[in-house]
Amino acid sequence: MTEHDLERRLIDLLISTHPGWRYEQRDLPGLPRWWAIRYCPLRPDQRGAGARDVLGRTSLRRLAGALTRHDEILHNRRY
């Protein structure tokens, strides 16, 4: 299995477990490679609790971890 195949599987998993986001890859020097962008913007009170509309990380695995932590923020605040 190639790295591309593994990335595709992980993206499919992210889509199924975090469906409110779209996922993009950008290869720009000095910036995170993988991005999750919310389809629907958060309310100001959700942002105030630490939630974000955009998350960027250097790998899909790190992005998956960030999305999980992000969901915990909203869950703990009962959003």
PDB file of N, CA and C in Angstrom:
ATOM      1  N   MET A   1       0.839  -1.170   0.000  1.00  0.00           N
ATOM      2  CA  MET A   1       0.000   0.000   0.000  1.00  0.00           C
ATOM      3  C   MET A   1       0.891   1.242   0.000  1.00  0.00           C
ATOM      4  N   THR A   2       0.599   2.194  -0.858  1.00  0.00           N
ATOM      5  CA  THR A   2       1.407   3.400  -0.974  1.00  0.00           C
ATOM      6  C   THR A   2       0.995   4.436   0.076  1.00  0.00           C
ATOM      7  N   GLU A   3       1.830   5.447   0.244  1.00  0.00           N
ATOM      8  CA  GLU A   3       1.506   6.542   1.166  1.00  0.00           C
ATOM      9  C   GLU A   3       0.227   7.245   0.721  1.00  0.00           C
ATOM     10  N   HIS A   4       0.069   7.389  -0.595  1.00  0.00           N
ATOM     11  CA  HIS A   4      -1.148   8.027  -1.118  1.00  0.00           C
ATOM     12  C   HIS A   4      -2.391   7.220  -0.728  1.00  0.00           C
ATOM     13  N   ASP A   5      -2.308   5.895  -0.803  1.00  0.00           N
ATOM     14  CA  ASP A   5      -3.429   5.034  -0.405  1.00  0.00           C
ATOM     15  C   ASP A   5      -3.755   5.216   1.076  1.00  0.00           C
ATOM     16  N   LEU A   6      -2.731   5.281   1.905  1.00  0.00           N
ATOM     17  CA  LEU A   6      -2.942   5.475   3.334  1.00  0.00           C
ATOM     18  C   LEU A   6      -3.571   6.837   3.612  1.00  0.00           C
ATOM     19  N   GLU A   7      -3.100   7.871   2.914  1.00  0.00           N
ATOM     20  CA  GLU A   7      -3.683   9.197   3.089  1.00  0.00           C
ATOM     21  C   GLU A   7      -5.154   9.193   2.678  1.00  0.00           C
ATOM     22  N   ARG A   8      -5.477   8.544   1.575  1.00  0.00           N
ATOM     23  CA  ARG A   8      -6.867   8.480   1.114  1.00  0.00           C
ATOM     24  C   ARG A   8      -7.755   7.787   2.149  1.00  0.00           C
ATOM     25  N   ARG A   9      -7.248   6.698   2.734  1.00  0.00           N
ATOM     26  CA  ARG A   9      -8.016   5.993   3.769  1.00  0.00           C
ATOM     27  C   ARG A   9      -8.235   6.870   4.993  1.00  0.00           C
ATOM     28  N   LEU A  10      -7.196   7.591   5.394  1.00  0.00           N
ATOM     29  CA  LEU A  10      -7.322   8.449   6.565  1.00  0.00           C
ATOM     30  C   LEU A  10      -8.280   9.603   6.283  1.00  0.00           C
ATOM     31  N   ILE A  11      -8.225  10.175   5.098  1.00  0.00           N
ATOM     32  CA  ILE A  11      -9.172  11.233   4.746  1.00  0.00           C
ATOM     33  C   ILE A  11     -10.601  10.690   4.781  1.00  0.00           C
ATOM     34  N   ASP A  12     -10.812   9.505   4.233  1.00  0.00           N
ATOM     35  CA  ASP A  12     -12.142   8.888   4.278  1.00  0.00           C
ATOM     36  C   ASP A  12     -12.601   8.690   5.722  1.00  0.00           C
ATOM     37  N   LEU A  13     -11.687   8.278   6.597  1.00  0.00           N
ATOM     38  CA  LEU A  13     -12.019   8.112   8.001  1.00  0.00           C
ATOM     39  C   LEU A  13     -12.367   9.457   8.642  1.00  0.00           C
ATOM     40  N   LEU A  14     -11.579  10.488   8.339  1.00  0.00           N
ATOM     41  CA  LEU A  14     -11.871  11.821   8.880  1.00  0.00           C
ATOM     42  C   LEU A  14     -13.237  12.317   8.410  1.00  0.00           C
ATOM     43  N   ILE A  15     -13.547  12.111   7.149  1.00  0.00           N
ATOM     44  CA  ILE A  15     -14.835  12.540   6.612  1.00  0.00           C
ATOM     45  C   ILE A  15     -15.981  11.839   7.341  1.00  0.00           C
ATOM     46  N   SER A  16     -15.813  10.558   7.647  1.00  0.00           N
ATOM     47  CA  SER A  16     -16.891   9.830   8.311  1.00  0.00           C
ATOM     48  C   SER A  16     -16.999  10.174   9.800  1.00  0.00           C
ATOM     49  N   THR A  17     -15.887  10.476  10.455  1.00  0.00           N
ATOM     50  CA  THR A  17     -15.929  10.775  11.891  1.00  0.00           C
ATOM     51  C   THR A  17     -16.072  12.262  12.200  1.00  0.00           C
ATOM     52  N   HIS A  18     -15.681  13.109  11.269  1.00  0.00           N
ATOM     53  CA  HIS A  18     -15.777  14.569  11.436  1.00  0.00           C
ATOM     54  C   HIS A  18     -16.402  15.156  10.168  1.00  0.00           C
ATOM     55  N   PRO A  19     -17.708  14.915   9.944  1.00  0.00           N
ATOM     56  CA  PRO A  19     -18.323  15.287   8.664  1.00  0.00           C
ATOM     57  C   PRO A  19     -18.550  16.778   8.457  1.00  0.00           C
ATOM     58  N   GLY A  20     -18.420  17.591   9.471  1.00  0.00           N
ATOM     59  CA  GLY A  20     -18.669  19.022   9.333  1.00  0.00           C
ATOM     60  C   GLY A  20     -17.507  19.815   8.767  1.00  0.00           C
ATOM     61  N   TRP A  21     -16.497  19.120   8.281  1.00  0.00           N
ATOM     62  CA  TRP A  21     -15.276  19.761   7.794  1.00  0.00           C
ATOM     63  C   TRP A  21     -14.973  19.321   6.372  1.00  0.00           C
ATOM     64  N   ARG A  22     -14.303  20.196   5.641  1.00  0.00           N
ATOM     65  CA  ARG A  22     -13.714  19.765   4.365  1.00  0.00           C
ATOM     66  C   ARG A  22     -12.207  19.736   4.574  1.00  0.00           C
ATOM     67  N   TYR A  23     -11.549  18.890   3.818  1.00  0.00           N
ATOM     68  CA  TYR A  23     -10.118  18.646   4.022  1.00  0.00           C
ATOM     69  C   TYR A  23      -9.348  19.022   2.773  1.00  0.00           C
ATOM     70  N   GLU A  24      -8.241  19.735   2.988  1.00  0.00           N
ATOM     71  CA  GLU A  24      -7.422  20.195   1.872  1.00  0.00           C
ATOM     72  C   GLU A  24      -5.954  19.950   2.166  1.00  0.00           C
ATOM     73  N   GLN A  25      -5.223  19.717   1.101  1.00  0.00           N
ATOM     74  CA  GLN A  25      -3.772  19.600   1.190  1.00  0.00           C
ATOM     75  C   GLN A  25      -3.171  20.777   0.440  1.00  0.00           C
ATOM     76  N   ARG A  26      -2.236  21.458   1.093  1.00  0.00           N
ATOM     77  CA  ARG A  26      -1.526  22.574   0.458  1.00  0.00           C
ATOM     78  C   ARG A  26      -0.039  22.393   0.718  1.00  0.00           C
ATOM     79  N   ASP A  27       0.721  22.417  -0.320  1.00  0.00           N
ATOM     80  CA  ASP A  27       2.169  22.294  -0.185  1.00  0.00           C
ATOM     81  C   ASP A  27       2.810  23.664  -0.354  1.00  0.00           C
ATOM     82  N   LEU A  28       2.744  24.451   0.711  1.00  0.00           N
ATOM     83  CA  LEU A  28       3.356  25.774   0.723  1.00  0.00           C
ATOM     84  C   LEU A  28       4.452  25.795   1.778  1.00  0.00           C
ATOM     85  N   PRO A  29       5.636  26.252   1.421  1.00  0.00           N
ATOM     86  CA  PRO A  29       6.752  26.258   2.377  1.00  0.00           C
ATOM     87  C   PRO A  29       6.410  27.025   3.653  1.00  0.00           C
ATOM     88  N   GLY A  30       6.701  26.402   4.782  1.00  0.00           N
ATOM     89  CA  GLY A  30       6.506  27.057   6.066  1.00  0.00           C
ATOM     90  C   GLY A  30       5.092  27.006   6.618  1.00  0.00           C
ATOM     91  N   LEU A  31       4.166  26.406   5.904  1.00  0.00           N
ATOM     92  CA  LEU A  31       2.780  26.316   6.377  1.00  0.00           C
ATOM     93  C   LEU A  31       2.399  24.856   6.585  1.00  0.00           C
ATOM     94  N   PRO A  32       1.389  24.622   7.443  1.00  0.00           N
ATOM     95  CA  PRO A  32       0.912  23.243   7.592  1.00  0.00           C
ATOM     96  C   PRO A  32       0.476  22.661   6.255  1.00  0.00           C
ATOM     97  N   ARG A  33       0.654  21.378   6.132  1.00  0.00           N
ATOM     98  CA  ARG A  33       0.347  20.715   4.858  1.00  0.00           C
ATOM     99  C   ARG A  33      -1.131  20.357   4.732  1.00  0.00           C
ATOM    100  N   TRP A  34      -1.764  19.935   5.829  1.00  0.00           N
ATOM    101  CA  TRP A  34      -3.151  19.484   5.803  1.00  0.00           C
ATOM    102  C   TRP A  34      -4.037  20.431   6.592  1.00  0.00           C
ATOM    103  N   TRP A  35      -5.210  20.706   6.027  1.00  0.00           N
ATOM    104  CA  TRP A  35      -6.144  21.659   6.622  1.00  0.00           C
ATOM    105  C   TRP A  35      -7.530  21.057   6.723  1.00  0.00           C
ATOM    106  N   ALA A  36      -8.225  21.405   7.799  1.00  0.00           N
ATOM    107  CA  ALA A  36      -9.642  21.100   7.963  1.00  0.00           C
ATOM    108  C   ALA A  36     -10.347  22.444   8.090  1.00  0.00           C
ATOM    109  N   ILE A  37     -11.348  22.661   7.254  1.00  0.00           N
ATOM    110  CA  ILE A  37     -12.092  23.920   7.233  1.00  0.00           C
ATOM    111  C   ILE A  37     -13.558  23.596   7.465  1.00  0.00           C
ATOM    112  N   ARG A  38     -14.162  24.252   8.449  1.00  0.00           N
ATOM    113  CA  ARG A  38     -15.568  24.000   8.760  1.00  0.00           C
ATOM    114  C   ARG A  38     -16.462  24.427   7.610  1.00  0.00           C
ATOM    115  N   TYR A  39     -17.504  23.636   7.373  1.00  0.00           N
ATOM    116  CA  TYR A  39     -18.513  24.023   6.390  1.00  0.00           C
ATOM    117  C   TYR A  39     -19.365  25.173   6.923  1.00  0.00           C
ATOM    118  N   CYS A  40     -19.716  25.112   8.203  1.00  0.00           N
ATOM    119  CA  CYS A  40     -20.537  26.151   8.835  1.00  0.00           C
ATOM    120  C   CYS A  40     -19.707  26.845   9.904  1.00  0.00           C
ATOM    121  N   PRO A  41     -19.613  28.160   9.839  1.00  0.00           N
ATOM    122  CA  PRO A  41     -18.809  28.889  10.834  1.00  0.00           C
ATOM    123  C   PRO A  41     -19.366  28.704  12.247  1.00  0.00           C
ATOM    124  N   LEU A  42     -18.481  28.772  13.194  1.00  0.00           N
ATOM    125  CA  LEU A  42     -18.865  28.684  14.598  1.00  0.00           C
ATOM    126  C   LEU A  42     -19.488  29.991  15.069  1.00  0.00           C
ATOM    127  N   ARG A  43     -20.233  29.892  16.152  1.00  0.00           N
ATOM    128  CA  ARG A  43     -20.770  31.096  16.805  1.00  0.00           C
ATOM    129  C   ARG A  43     -19.660  31.734  17.632  1.00  0.00           C
ATOM    130  N   PRO A  44     -19.783  33.020  17.933  1.00  0.00           N
ATOM    131  CA  PRO A  44     -18.756  33.693  18.748  1.00  0.00           C
ATOM    132  C   PRO A  44     -18.525  33.025  20.107  1.00  0.00           C
ATOM    133  N   ASP A  45     -19.579  32.521  20.756  1.00  0.00           N
ATOM    134  CA  ASP A  45     -19.379  31.869  22.053  1.00  0.00           C
ATOM    135  C   ASP A  45     -18.593  30.570  21.922  1.00  0.00           C
ATOM    136  N   GLN A  46     -18.747  29.868  20.802  1.00  0.00           N
ATOM    137  CA  GLN A  46     -17.966  28.651  20.578  1.00  0.00           C
ATOM    138  C   GLN A  46     -16.495  28.992  20.340  1.00  0.00           C
ATOM    139  N   ARG A  47     -16.256  30.060  19.586  1.00  0.00           N
ATOM    140  CA  ARG A  47     -14.870  30.503  19.392  1.00  0.00           C
ATOM    141  C   ARG A  47     -14.257  30.932  20.713  1.00  0.00           C
ATOM    142  N   GLY A  48     -15.056  31.607  21.541  1.00  0.00           N
ATOM    143  CA  GLY A  48     -14.586  32.032  22.855  1.00  0.00           C
ATOM    144  C   GLY A  48     -14.206  30.863  23.751  1.00  0.00           C
ATOM    145  N   ALA A  49     -14.810  29.711  23.512  1.00  0.00           N
ATOM    146  CA  ALA A  49     -14.495  28.504  24.283  1.00  0.00           C
ATOM    147  C   ALA A  49     -13.229  27.820  23.775  1.00  0.00           C
ATOM    148  N   GLY A  50     -12.667  28.307  22.671  1.00  0.00           N
ATOM    149  CA  GLY A  50     -11.432  27.733  22.136  1.00  0.00           C
ATOM    150  C   GLY A  50     -11.595  26.969  20.840  1.00  0.00           C
ATOM    151  N   ALA A  51     -12.823  26.878  20.321  1.00  0.00           N
ATOM    152  CA  ALA A  51     -13.056  26.172  19.063  1.00  0.00           C
ATOM    153  C   ALA A  51     -12.607  27.052  17.894  1.00  0.00           C
ATOM    154  N   ARG A  52     -12.292  26.427  16.771  1.00  0.00           N
ATOM    155  CA  ARG A  52     -11.791  27.137  15.596  1.00  0.00           C
ATOM    156  C   ARG A  52     -12.532  26.707  14.340  1.00  0.00           C
ATOM    157  N   ASP A  53     -12.561  27.609  13.362  1.00  0.00           N
ATOM    158  CA  ASP A  53     -13.174  27.312  12.067  1.00  0.00           C
ATOM    159  C   ASP A  53     -12.200  26.620  11.121  1.00  0.00           C
ATOM    160  N   VAL A  54     -10.906  26.772  11.369  1.00  0.00           N
ATOM    161  CA  VAL A  54      -9.871  26.204  10.504  1.00  0.00           C
ATOM    162  C   VAL A  54      -8.779  25.606  11.392  1.00  0.00           C
ATOM    163  N   LEU A  55      -8.373  24.388  11.043  1.00  0.00           N
ATOM    164  CA  LEU A  55      -7.254  23.741  11.734  1.00  0.00           C
ATOM    165  C   LEU A  55      -6.236  23.308  10.691  1.00  0.00           C
ATOM    166  N   GLY A  56      -4.977  23.530  10.951  1.00  0.00           N
ATOM    167  CA  GLY A  56      -3.917  23.105  10.047  1.00  0.00           C
ATOM    168  C   GLY A  56      -2.843  22.351  10.807  1.00  0.00           C
ATOM    169  N   ARG A  57      -2.361  21.260  10.219  1.00  0.00           N
ATOM    170  CA  ARG A  57      -1.294  20.460  10.828  1.00  0.00           C
ATOM    171  C   ARG A  57      -0.364  19.938   9.741  1.00  0.00           C
ATOM    172  N   THR A  58       0.810  19.477  10.146  1.00  0.00           N
ATOM    173  CA  THR A  58       1.821  19.018   9.195  1.00  0.00           C
ATOM    174  C   THR A  58       1.542  17.629   8.639  1.00  0.00           C
ATOM    175  N   SER A  59       0.650  16.863   9.282  1.00  0.00           N
ATOM    176  CA  SER A  59       0.322  15.526   8.783  1.00  0.00           C
ATOM    177  C   SER A  59      -1.149  15.239   9.038  1.00  0.00           C
ATOM    178  N   LEU A  60      -1.675  14.255   8.323  1.00  0.00           N
ATOM    179  CA  LEU A  60      -3.065  13.862   8.533  1.00  0.00           C
ATOM    180  C   LEU A  60      -3.267  13.284   9.930  1.00  0.00           C
ATOM    181  N   ARG A  61      -2.298  12.554  10.433  1.00  0.00           N
ATOM    182  CA  ARG A  61      -2.429  11.993  11.785  1.00  0.00           C
ATOM    183  C   ARG A  61      -2.517  13.099  12.823  1.00  0.00           C
ATOM    184  N   ARG A  62      -1.699  14.125  12.669  1.00  0.00           N
ATOM    185  CA  ARG A  62      -1.764  15.252  13.607  1.00  0.00           C
ATOM    186  C   ARG A  62      -3.070  16.016  13.448  1.00  0.00           C
ATOM    187  N   LEU A  63      -3.543  16.124  12.224  1.00  0.00           N
ATOM    188  CA  LEU A  63      -4.819  16.793  11.994  1.00  0.00           C
ATOM    189  C   LEU A  63      -5.953  16.001  12.643  1.00  0.00           C
ATOM    190  N   ALA A  64      -5.911  14.674  12.549  1.00  0.00           N
ATOM    191  CA  ALA A  64      -6.927  13.836  13.185  1.00  0.00           C
ATOM    192  C   ALA A  64      -6.925  14.052  14.700  1.00  0.00           C
ATOM    193  N   GLY A  65      -5.755  14.128  15.292  1.00  0.00           N
ATOM    194  CA  GLY A  65      -5.657  14.389  16.730  1.00  0.00           C
ATOM    195  C   GLY A  65      -6.205  15.746  17.103  1.00  0.00           C
ATOM    196  N   ALA A  66      -5.908  16.747  16.288  1.00  0.00           N
ATOM    197  CA  ALA A  66      -6.411  18.096  16.545  1.00  0.00           C
ATOM    198  C   ALA A  66      -7.934  18.140  16.440  1.00  0.00           C
ATOM    199  N   LEU A  67      -8.494  17.435  15.476  1.00  0.00           N
ATOM    200  CA  LEU A  67      -9.952  17.393  15.338  1.00  0.00           C
ATOM    201  C   LEU A  67     -10.596  16.707  16.535  1.00  0.00           C
ATOM    202  N   THR A  68      -9.985  15.659  17.028  1.00  0.00           N
ATOM    203  CA  THR A  68     -10.510  14.967  18.204  1.00  0.00           C
ATOM    204  C   THR A  68     -10.486  15.892  19.413  1.00  0.00           C
ATOM    205  N   ARG A  69      -9.375  16.583  19.631  1.00  0.00           N
ATOM    206  CA  ARG A  69      -9.285  17.532  20.753  1.00  0.00           C
ATOM    207  C   ARG A  69     -10.296  18.659  20.574  1.00  0.00           C
ATOM    208  N   HIS A  70     -10.470  19.102  19.347  1.00  0.00           N
ATOM    209  CA  HIS A  70     -11.419  20.167  19.053  1.00  0.00           C
ATOM    210  C   HIS A  70     -12.843  19.729  19.407  1.00  0.00           C
ATOM    211  N   ASP A  71     -13.209  18.509  19.034  1.00  0.00           N
ATOM    212  CA  ASP A  71     -14.540  17.987  19.367  1.00  0.00           C
ATOM    213  C   ASP A  71     -14.723  17.894  20.881  1.00  0.00           C
ATOM    214  N   GLU A  72     -13.662  17.554  21.592  1.00  0.00           N
ATOM    215  CA  GLU A  72     -13.737  17.484  23.054  1.00  0.00           C
ATOM    216  C   GLU A  72     -14.031  18.852  23.653  1.00  0.00           C
ATOM    217  N   ILE A  73     -13.440  19.894  23.109  1.00  0.00           N
ATOM    218  CA  ILE A  73     -13.711  21.260  23.585  1.00  0.00           C
ATOM    219  C   ILE A  73     -15.204  21.545  23.483  1.00  0.00           C
ATOM    220  N   LEU A  74     -15.779  21.286  22.319  1.00  0.00           N
ATOM    221  CA  LEU A  74     -17.196  21.569  22.114  1.00  0.00           C
ATOM    222  C   LEU A  74     -18.073  20.662  22.965  1.00  0.00           C
ATOM    223  N   HIS A  75     -17.699  19.399  23.066  1.00  0.00           N
ATOM    224  CA  HIS A  75     -18.483  18.456  23.872  1.00  0.00           C
ATOM    225  C   HIS A  75     -18.458  18.861  25.351  1.00  0.00           C
ATOM    226  N   ASN A  76     -17.289  19.212  25.862  1.00  0.00           N
ATOM    227  CA  ASN A  76     -17.173  19.584  27.273  1.00  0.00           C
ATOM    228  C   ASN A  76     -17.938  20.851  27.597  1.00  0.00           C
ATOM    229  N   ARG A  77     -18.112  21.708  26.611  1.00  0.00           N
ATOM    230  CA  ARG A  77     -18.893  22.941  26.795  1.00  0.00           C
ATOM    231  C   ARG A  77     -20.361  22.736  26.429  1.00  0.00           C
ATOM    232  N   ARG A  78     -20.711  21.506  26.080  1.00  0.00           N
ATOM    233  CA  ARG A  78     -22.091  21.115  25.728  1.00  0.00           C
ATOM    234  C   ARG A  78     -22.615  21.855  24.501  1.00  0.00           C
ATOM    235  N   TYR A  79     -21.754  22.006  23.485  1.00  0.00           N
ATOM    236  CA  TYR A  79     -22.180  22.610  22.232  1.00  0.00           C
ATOM    237  C   TYR A  79     -22.597  21.540  21.273  1.00  0.00           C
TER     238      TYR A  79
END
